[in-house]
């Protein structure tokens, strides 16, 4: 099961964090941009190639200390087909380095359309009888607010190809409560969706007690993190909102179980732009600065956790 592989990576690195590779061009050091613009022009191709070099350098520095990356598809799609190619190459490169890859796409549809999304990001595409991997991520973020019609096509693909999904449950943005905190009977909307995650994952249980259906629960709402951890014992959490969005290590510790497992915490800008924050850091040392930030984040988070270990 996909999240078994993620859990093993977390235990190996003793690091329950994931780096969000959501690269705006402004995050990329000038020396890389200038080199790629000179070669390809100041266009979508030049921008995409600069981003790819940036991503690869960060992956080179963090793959031994960080279990996973999470590229957000929108930051690649904005550069057209060249950007989408960079997304594919980023996923491929990270997997070659042994990292678990979560594509943050928040896909949301039903029937044949959702089957197409599932094939693209988690499965294989049928090209006149030849089955070809289009993107090859290990997991995909999805929006479950169309109900089971939007999730069932993914579950079949996950079981067939050993992949996972993260369903939006309680997101980290400020306005999430406008919908997610509303009551359905005696339960909030987010708690109701959380219960659905437990149900959706019943037939895809891993050897460490978590299913192939995870939940996105934001670091900016530690009380809800604690509530959901108790209510969803078989659901592995993806926790955005640490750092730049205001979530802290003490708060995110509520997402973890007694073995220091059960969740992975995302940081994007904090890692990618670490070189901009460090005093007197040469931009050519951006990847080393990213590594230092990953180590800092890891130590911050695990200081509030029990020792990370596989369940006995």
Foldseek 3Di string as FASTA:
>chain_A
DLVVLLLVLCQQLVFQAAAELLDDLVLQDPVLLVVLCVVPNPALLSSQVSSLVLLLLLLVLPLNRDAAYEYELVSQCVSPPNSVVSQLVSQVSNVVSVHAYEYEDQAFDFDPVLLVVLCQEQRFDQDPNDTHHNRHHQEYEYECVVDPRNVVSNLVSCVVRVHAYAYEQAALDPCSCVQQQDDDDNHGNSVVVLVVLLVSFPVAADPQQAGRYAYEHELNCLVVLLVSCVVRVRHAYEYECDDPNDGFLLSCQSNADQQRGRYHYYDYCCLSNQQVVDPPRDSVCSSVSSSVSSVVRRVRNCVNHDRHDRDD
